Protein backbone atom coordinates (compact mmCIF):
# COMPACT_ATOMS: atom_id res chain seq x y z
CA MET A 1 133.24 -32.30 -78.20
CA ASN A 2 136.12 -32.29 -81.27
CA ILE A 3 139.15 -33.81 -80.43
CA LEU A 4 142.85 -33.66 -81.79
CA ILE A 5 144.90 -36.64 -81.23
CA THR A 6 148.71 -36.53 -82.04
CA GLY A 7 150.18 -39.33 -82.68
CA GLY A 8 147.03 -41.14 -83.20
CA LEU A 9 148.10 -44.22 -85.32
CA GLY A 10 150.59 -45.18 -83.17
CA TYR A 11 150.41 -48.18 -80.71
CA ILE A 12 148.76 -46.23 -77.89
CA GLY A 13 146.74 -43.64 -80.01
CA SER A 14 145.20 -46.16 -82.17
CA ASN A 15 143.74 -48.05 -79.07
CA VAL A 16 142.42 -45.25 -77.50
CA ILE A 17 140.68 -43.72 -80.62
CA SER A 18 138.93 -47.47 -80.98
CA LYS A 19 137.41 -46.58 -77.59
CA LEU A 20 136.97 -42.59 -78.07
CA LEU A 21 134.43 -43.94 -80.86
CA LYS A 22 132.17 -45.31 -78.30
CA VAL A 23 131.79 -42.20 -76.91
CA GLU A 24 128.60 -40.34 -77.70
CA GLU A 25 129.64 -36.93 -76.70
CA ILE A 26 132.74 -36.67 -79.36
CA ASN A 27 131.69 -35.39 -82.84
CA LYS A 28 134.43 -35.03 -84.68
CA ILE A 29 138.36 -36.69 -84.25
CA LEU A 30 141.36 -35.46 -85.86
CA ILE A 31 144.21 -37.43 -86.16
CA VAL A 32 147.78 -35.87 -86.74
CA ASP A 33 150.50 -38.09 -87.02
CA ASN A 34 153.81 -38.10 -89.28
CA LEU A 35 153.70 -42.08 -89.70
CA SER A 36 157.13 -42.30 -88.25
CA SER A 37 156.54 -45.31 -86.30
CA SER A 38 152.92 -45.79 -87.50
CA LYS A 39 150.75 -47.04 -90.56
CA LYS A 40 148.11 -45.01 -92.47
CA GLU A 41 146.45 -48.64 -92.98
CA ILE A 42 145.21 -48.29 -88.98
CA LEU A 43 142.65 -45.89 -90.23
CA GLU A 44 140.51 -48.54 -91.91
CA LYS A 45 140.35 -50.63 -88.84
CA PHE A 46 138.47 -48.45 -86.87
CA GLU A 47 135.21 -49.64 -86.20
CA ASN A 48 133.15 -46.24 -86.66
CA ILE A 49 129.65 -47.04 -86.07
CA SER A 50 128.24 -44.24 -84.58
CA GLY A 51 129.45 -42.30 -87.60
CA LYS A 52 131.69 -39.67 -86.18
CA GLU A 53 133.93 -37.60 -88.52
CA ILE A 54 137.18 -39.05 -88.57
CA VAL A 55 139.98 -36.55 -90.60
CA PHE A 56 143.89 -37.53 -91.04
CA LEU A 57 146.57 -35.40 -91.46
CA LYS A 58 150.17 -36.48 -92.42
CA LYS A 59 152.09 -33.96 -90.54
CA SER A 60 154.39 -33.64 -87.41
CA ILE A 61 153.09 -31.43 -84.79
CA GLY A 62 156.31 -29.28 -84.82
CA LYS A 63 155.13 -28.01 -88.53
CA LEU A 64 151.47 -27.86 -87.59
CA LYS A 65 149.81 -24.38 -88.42
CA LYS A 66 146.89 -22.34 -87.07
CA LYS A 67 145.16 -23.06 -90.28
CA ASP A 68 145.50 -26.57 -89.90
CA LEU A 69 143.27 -26.62 -86.91
CA LYS A 70 141.12 -24.16 -86.56
CA LYS A 71 138.57 -25.29 -89.21
CA HIS A 72 137.98 -28.16 -86.80
CA ARG A 73 136.79 -25.89 -84.14
CA LEU A 74 138.42 -28.19 -81.52
CA THR A 75 137.58 -28.44 -77.82
CA HIS A 76 140.42 -30.83 -76.37
CA VAL A 77 143.67 -32.48 -77.11
CA ILE A 78 145.13 -35.89 -76.46
CA HIS A 79 148.97 -35.57 -77.25
CA PHE A 80 150.85 -39.05 -77.91
CA ALA A 81 153.37 -37.98 -80.76
CA GLY A 82 156.86 -38.15 -79.71
CA LEU A 83 159.83 -40.40 -79.84
CA ILE A 84 160.12 -42.94 -76.62
CA SER A 85 163.15 -44.83 -76.46
CA VAL A 86 165.28 -44.63 -73.62
CA GLU A 87 168.29 -46.62 -74.96
CA GLU A 88 168.07 -44.29 -78.42
CA SER A 89 167.83 -41.14 -76.60
CA THR A 90 170.95 -41.68 -74.98
CA ALA A 91 172.49 -41.72 -78.28
CA ASP A 92 170.70 -38.70 -79.93
CA PRO A 93 169.50 -36.79 -77.18
CA ILE A 94 168.68 -33.64 -79.48
CA SER A 95 166.21 -35.20 -81.72
CA TYR A 96 164.22 -36.16 -78.34
CA TYR A 97 164.44 -32.86 -77.06
CA ASP A 98 163.68 -31.18 -80.16
CA ASN A 99 160.90 -34.11 -81.05
CA ASN A 100 159.33 -34.19 -77.54
CA VAL A 101 159.70 -30.56 -76.33
CA ALA A 102 160.53 -28.39 -79.25
CA GLN A 103 157.69 -29.56 -81.49
CA SER A 104 155.28 -30.11 -78.23
CA ILE A 105 155.49 -26.31 -77.17
CA ASN A 106 154.67 -25.32 -81.35
CA LEU A 107 151.39 -27.72 -80.16
CA LEU A 108 150.95 -25.79 -77.10
CA LYS A 109 151.17 -22.36 -78.86
CA LEU A 110 148.57 -23.34 -81.36
CA CYS A 111 146.26 -24.31 -78.43
CA LYS A 112 146.67 -20.84 -76.73
CA LYS A 113 145.89 -18.89 -79.95
CA LEU A 114 142.56 -21.44 -80.91
CA LYS A 115 141.31 -21.55 -76.96
CA ILE A 116 141.65 -25.39 -77.04
CA ASN A 117 141.51 -25.53 -73.20
CA ASN A 118 141.28 -29.11 -72.27
CA PHE A 119 144.70 -31.16 -72.65
CA ILE A 120 145.34 -34.80 -71.73
CA PHE A 121 149.57 -35.35 -71.96
CA SER A 122 150.98 -38.67 -72.52
CA SER A 123 153.81 -38.86 -69.88
CA THR A 124 156.12 -41.68 -68.34
CA ALA A 125 156.83 -43.08 -65.02
CA SER A 126 160.48 -43.16 -66.11
CA VAL A 127 160.39 -39.53 -64.37
CA TYR A 128 160.57 -40.79 -61.09
CA GLU A 129 163.71 -42.08 -59.01
CA SER A 130 163.98 -45.65 -58.36
CA SER A 131 162.49 -46.65 -55.14
CA ASN A 132 161.71 -49.87 -53.48
CA ASP A 133 158.25 -48.44 -52.38
CA PRO A 134 155.76 -47.81 -55.00
CA VAL A 135 155.76 -43.83 -56.38
CA LYS A 136 153.13 -41.08 -55.96
CA GLU A 137 152.59 -38.64 -57.92
CA ASN A 138 154.63 -36.52 -55.57
CA SER A 139 157.55 -38.44 -55.13
CA LYS A 140 160.71 -37.58 -56.13
CA THR A 141 161.71 -37.10 -60.28
CA ASN A 142 165.06 -38.13 -61.38
CA PRO A 143 164.98 -38.95 -64.97
CA LEU A 144 168.17 -40.87 -66.02
CA SER A 145 167.48 -40.25 -69.82
CA PRO A 146 166.88 -37.86 -72.12
CA TYR A 147 163.47 -39.62 -73.22
CA SER A 148 162.37 -39.35 -69.50
CA ASN A 149 163.52 -35.70 -68.74
CA SER A 150 162.11 -34.42 -72.16
CA LYS A 151 158.50 -35.49 -70.37
CA LEU A 152 159.25 -33.88 -67.52
CA ILE A 153 160.49 -30.74 -68.97
CA PHE A 154 157.04 -30.68 -71.08
CA GLU A 155 154.79 -31.50 -67.88
CA SER A 156 156.45 -28.46 -66.46
CA ILE A 157 155.92 -26.13 -69.31
CA LEU A 158 152.11 -27.38 -69.28
CA LYS A 159 151.84 -26.66 -65.69
CA ASP A 160 153.25 -23.30 -65.63
CA TYR A 161 151.34 -22.66 -68.45
CA ASN A 162 148.16 -23.72 -66.40
CA GLU A 163 149.35 -21.75 -63.54
CA ILE A 164 148.73 -18.64 -65.76
CA ASN A 165 145.78 -19.55 -67.55
CA LYS A 166 142.98 -21.03 -64.94
CA ASP A 167 140.66 -21.63 -68.06
CA PHE A 168 143.37 -24.42 -69.23
CA ASN A 169 142.31 -27.86 -67.67
CA LEU A 170 145.27 -30.01 -67.81
CA ILE A 171 145.43 -33.90 -66.93
CA ILE A 172 148.75 -35.47 -66.95
CA LEU A 173 148.78 -39.34 -67.22
CA ARG A 174 152.53 -41.10 -66.29
CA TYR A 175 152.28 -44.45 -67.82
CA PHE A 176 154.10 -47.45 -66.86
CA ASN A 177 155.40 -50.20 -68.75
CA VAL A 178 152.46 -50.93 -71.40
CA ALA A 179 152.33 -53.81 -73.66
CA GLY A 180 149.78 -56.27 -75.38
CA ALA A 181 147.24 -55.69 -77.58
CA SER A 182 143.38 -54.80 -77.80
CA ASP A 183 141.30 -57.88 -77.45
CA ASN A 184 140.01 -58.15 -81.03
CA LEU A 185 143.84 -57.74 -82.22
CA LYS A 186 143.34 -54.84 -84.28
CA PHE A 187 145.72 -52.62 -82.55
CA GLY A 188 148.90 -53.53 -81.25
CA GLN A 189 152.80 -52.44 -81.57
CA THR A 190 153.75 -51.98 -85.19
CA ALA A 191 157.16 -50.24 -85.09
CA LYS A 192 159.99 -52.13 -87.07
CA LYS A 193 162.23 -52.39 -84.05
CA ALA A 194 161.04 -53.87 -80.83
CA THR A 195 162.42 -52.56 -78.02
CA HIS A 196 160.07 -53.24 -75.09
CA LEU A 197 160.81 -55.99 -72.85
CA ILE A 198 157.38 -57.78 -73.68
CA ARG A 199 157.34 -57.45 -76.76
CA VAL A 200 160.72 -58.76 -77.56
CA ALA A 201 160.17 -61.28 -75.66
CA ALA A 202 156.90 -62.44 -77.46
CA LYS A 203 158.84 -62.05 -80.95
CA VAL A 204 161.49 -64.78 -79.28
CA LYS A 205 158.84 -66.69 -78.26
CA ILE A 206 157.13 -67.17 -82.10
CA GLY A 207 160.68 -67.77 -83.60
CA GLU A 208 160.95 -64.09 -84.97
CA LEU A 209 164.10 -63.09 -82.97
CA LYS A 210 166.52 -65.65 -81.52
CA SER A 211 166.94 -64.85 -78.46
CA ILE A 212 166.16 -61.66 -75.50
CA SER A 213 168.73 -59.77 -73.80
CA ILE A 214 168.70 -59.08 -70.08
CA PHE A 215 170.76 -55.68 -69.48
CA GLY A 216 172.28 -56.01 -65.86
CA THR A 217 171.61 -59.16 -63.28
CA ASP A 218 173.91 -57.19 -60.47
CA TYR A 219 170.76 -54.70 -59.29
CA ASN A 220 169.70 -54.65 -55.72
CA THR A 221 166.56 -56.58 -56.04
CA LYS A 222 165.29 -60.09 -55.48
CA ASP A 223 166.75 -61.82 -58.55
CA GLY A 224 169.24 -58.91 -59.61
CA THR A 225 167.27 -57.75 -62.34
CA CYS A 226 165.44 -54.46 -63.09
CA ILE A 227 161.69 -54.73 -61.61
CA ARG A 228 158.74 -53.00 -63.08
CA ASP A 229 155.44 -52.30 -63.20
CA TYR A 230 153.26 -53.48 -66.17
CA ILE A 231 150.17 -52.56 -67.48
CA HIS A 232 147.71 -53.71 -70.47
CA ILE A 233 146.95 -51.49 -73.38
CA GLU A 234 143.34 -52.09 -72.94
CA ASP A 235 143.30 -50.70 -69.47
CA LEU A 236 145.33 -47.79 -70.46
CA ALA A 237 143.36 -46.91 -72.97
CA GLU A 238 140.51 -46.85 -70.64
CA ALA A 239 142.22 -44.89 -68.40
CA HIS A 240 142.09 -41.96 -71.09
CA ILE A 241 138.42 -42.25 -71.44
CA LEU A 242 138.27 -41.71 -67.54
CA ALA A 243 140.12 -38.56 -67.98
CA LEU A 244 138.56 -37.25 -70.88
CA ASN A 245 135.36 -37.48 -68.67
CA LYS A 246 136.73 -35.78 -65.91
CA ILE A 247 139.21 -32.85 -67.38
CA LYS A 248 136.58 -30.09 -66.72
CA LYS A 249 136.33 -30.69 -63.23
CA ILE A 250 140.19 -31.49 -62.21
CA THR A 251 143.43 -30.57 -63.19
CA GLY A 252 146.28 -33.15 -62.17
CA THR A 253 148.90 -35.96 -62.86
CA PHE A 254 148.04 -39.47 -62.40
CA ASN A 255 150.04 -42.83 -62.04
CA ILE A 256 148.43 -45.19 -64.47
CA GLY A 257 150.04 -48.76 -63.95
CA SER A 258 149.21 -51.73 -62.20
CA GLY A 259 150.62 -51.58 -58.86
CA THR A 260 152.48 -54.89 -59.21
CA GLY A 261 155.91 -55.37 -59.89
CA TYR A 262 157.99 -57.93 -62.04
CA SER A 263 161.21 -58.56 -62.42
CA VAL A 264 162.69 -59.02 -65.77
CA LYS A 265 163.69 -62.72 -65.21
CA GLU A 266 159.83 -63.03 -63.91
CA VAL A 267 158.30 -61.85 -67.12
CA ILE A 268 160.73 -64.06 -68.97
CA ASP A 269 159.67 -66.78 -66.89
CA THR A 270 155.92 -66.04 -67.70
CA ILE A 271 156.48 -66.26 -71.40
CA ASN A 272 158.62 -69.30 -70.79
CA ASN A 273 161.29 -71.20 -72.75
CA LEU A 274 163.02 -68.15 -74.29
CA GLU A 275 166.60 -68.09 -74.87
CA ILE A 276 168.56 -65.78 -72.93
CA GLU A 277 171.49 -63.34 -73.53
CA VAL A 278 173.19 -61.73 -70.18
CA LYS A 279 174.34 -58.27 -71.16
CA GLU A 280 176.04 -55.00 -69.16
CA ARG A 281 173.69 -52.29 -67.60
CA ARG A 282 172.11 -50.20 -69.98
CA ALA A 283 172.29 -46.27 -69.84
CA GLY A 284 168.58 -44.88 -68.38
CA ASP A 285 167.34 -47.58 -66.84
CA SER A 286 166.03 -47.50 -63.26
CA GLU A 287 166.66 -50.22 -60.81
CA LYS A 288 162.92 -50.57 -59.64
CA ILE A 289 159.63 -48.59 -60.17
CA LEU A 290 156.06 -49.49 -59.47
CA SER A 291 153.11 -47.31 -59.12
CA ASN A 292 150.54 -46.09 -56.45
CA THR A 293 147.63 -45.51 -58.31
CA THR A 294 145.43 -44.52 -55.50
CA LYS A 295 144.83 -40.98 -56.87
CA ALA A 296 143.78 -42.57 -60.14
CA LYS A 297 141.45 -44.91 -58.67
CA GLU A 298 139.87 -42.39 -55.83
CA ILE A 299 139.56 -39.37 -58.75
CA LEU A 300 139.27 -40.81 -61.83
CA GLY A 301 138.00 -44.16 -61.12
CA PHE A 302 140.55 -45.96 -62.74
CA ILE A 303 140.55 -50.20 -62.42
CA VAL A 304 143.10 -52.57 -63.66
CA LYS A 305 141.39 -55.35 -65.02
CA LYS A 306 144.16 -57.41 -66.50
CA ASP A 307 147.41 -59.47 -64.88
CA ILE A 308 150.68 -60.19 -66.30
CA LYS A 309 149.71 -63.32 -67.93
CA SER A 310 147.13 -61.72 -69.92
CA ILE A 311 149.05 -59.01 -71.07
CA CYS A 312 152.14 -61.49 -72.35
CA ASP A 313 149.15 -63.80 -73.87
CA SER A 314 147.83 -60.73 -75.37
CA ALA A 315 151.25 -59.63 -76.83
CA ILE A 316 152.31 -62.98 -78.07
CA ALA A 317 148.84 -63.18 -79.74
CA TRP A 318 149.36 -60.12 -81.41
CA GLU A 319 152.94 -61.07 -82.66
CA ARG A 320 151.74 -64.13 -84.21
CA SER A 321 148.48 -62.40 -86.15
CA GLN A 322 151.55 -59.99 -87.34
CA LYS A 323 154.10 -62.77 -88.47
CA LYS A 324 154.42 -63.23 -92.25
CA ASP A 325 154.45 -66.44 -93.24
């Protein structure tokens, strides 16, 4: 098994690769990353005990050529590469459709040419319409930002390709809110700008940021703030190993979350003693999205092991480990 990992040195990609290195059936891992939100030094952190071949190529997926991939005899792709900020996407939608759709189409074209027929796609739960009930994979979608819409568009492209190519095995993983760091504190969030709630809160906790903003306190929820489903990066990374084990037997879309919802205020209270700024609602934010993970549990064998406190503690520990004296 030879695997292409796009965006492999990013937050999620690096955590997944650390687990892939322990999978006996894998012979080679080709990492393609343009380093726009990651660092090449991450390569030095991988514990390659089994001596698998790791190849790194600094390149955007939109600029990939057939010759870049052909010699590696790839059998699988896990596609992480893309832009991920909801707020940024509303200000610059063209960049998001270029990166997350147009460049991903180039990747899919190469898969077609090289007959790489096992594809795992990193998608998002933000494609769903806000709902009081936990969303299932067939729940109504209503992306509120160009970021979310770009993910849903490429999901549709993959499904259309899968319809006409029955040899193409496809698993789409819709992530809920991912946070925390690897248990050994080797892999965590390294993007220069912290945008996700738990990472910002962790930075405030260790004194790196002064305050945390709450965007809207007038939502129709128990305390007026948005409710989200949070999952630890270790649990999410494990979901990719489960998907890899099943991909030749099944095709489908799976929710990867905890199934438990926490409001913005509850997350902040979990970390405790943070200075807060209340601001207006932010464009692109849904009121409430929770996961129904029954399908992932029954088909992939997915089990959540870490709770919200573990996630927050892990995020704080990571930020402390990265803080410069």
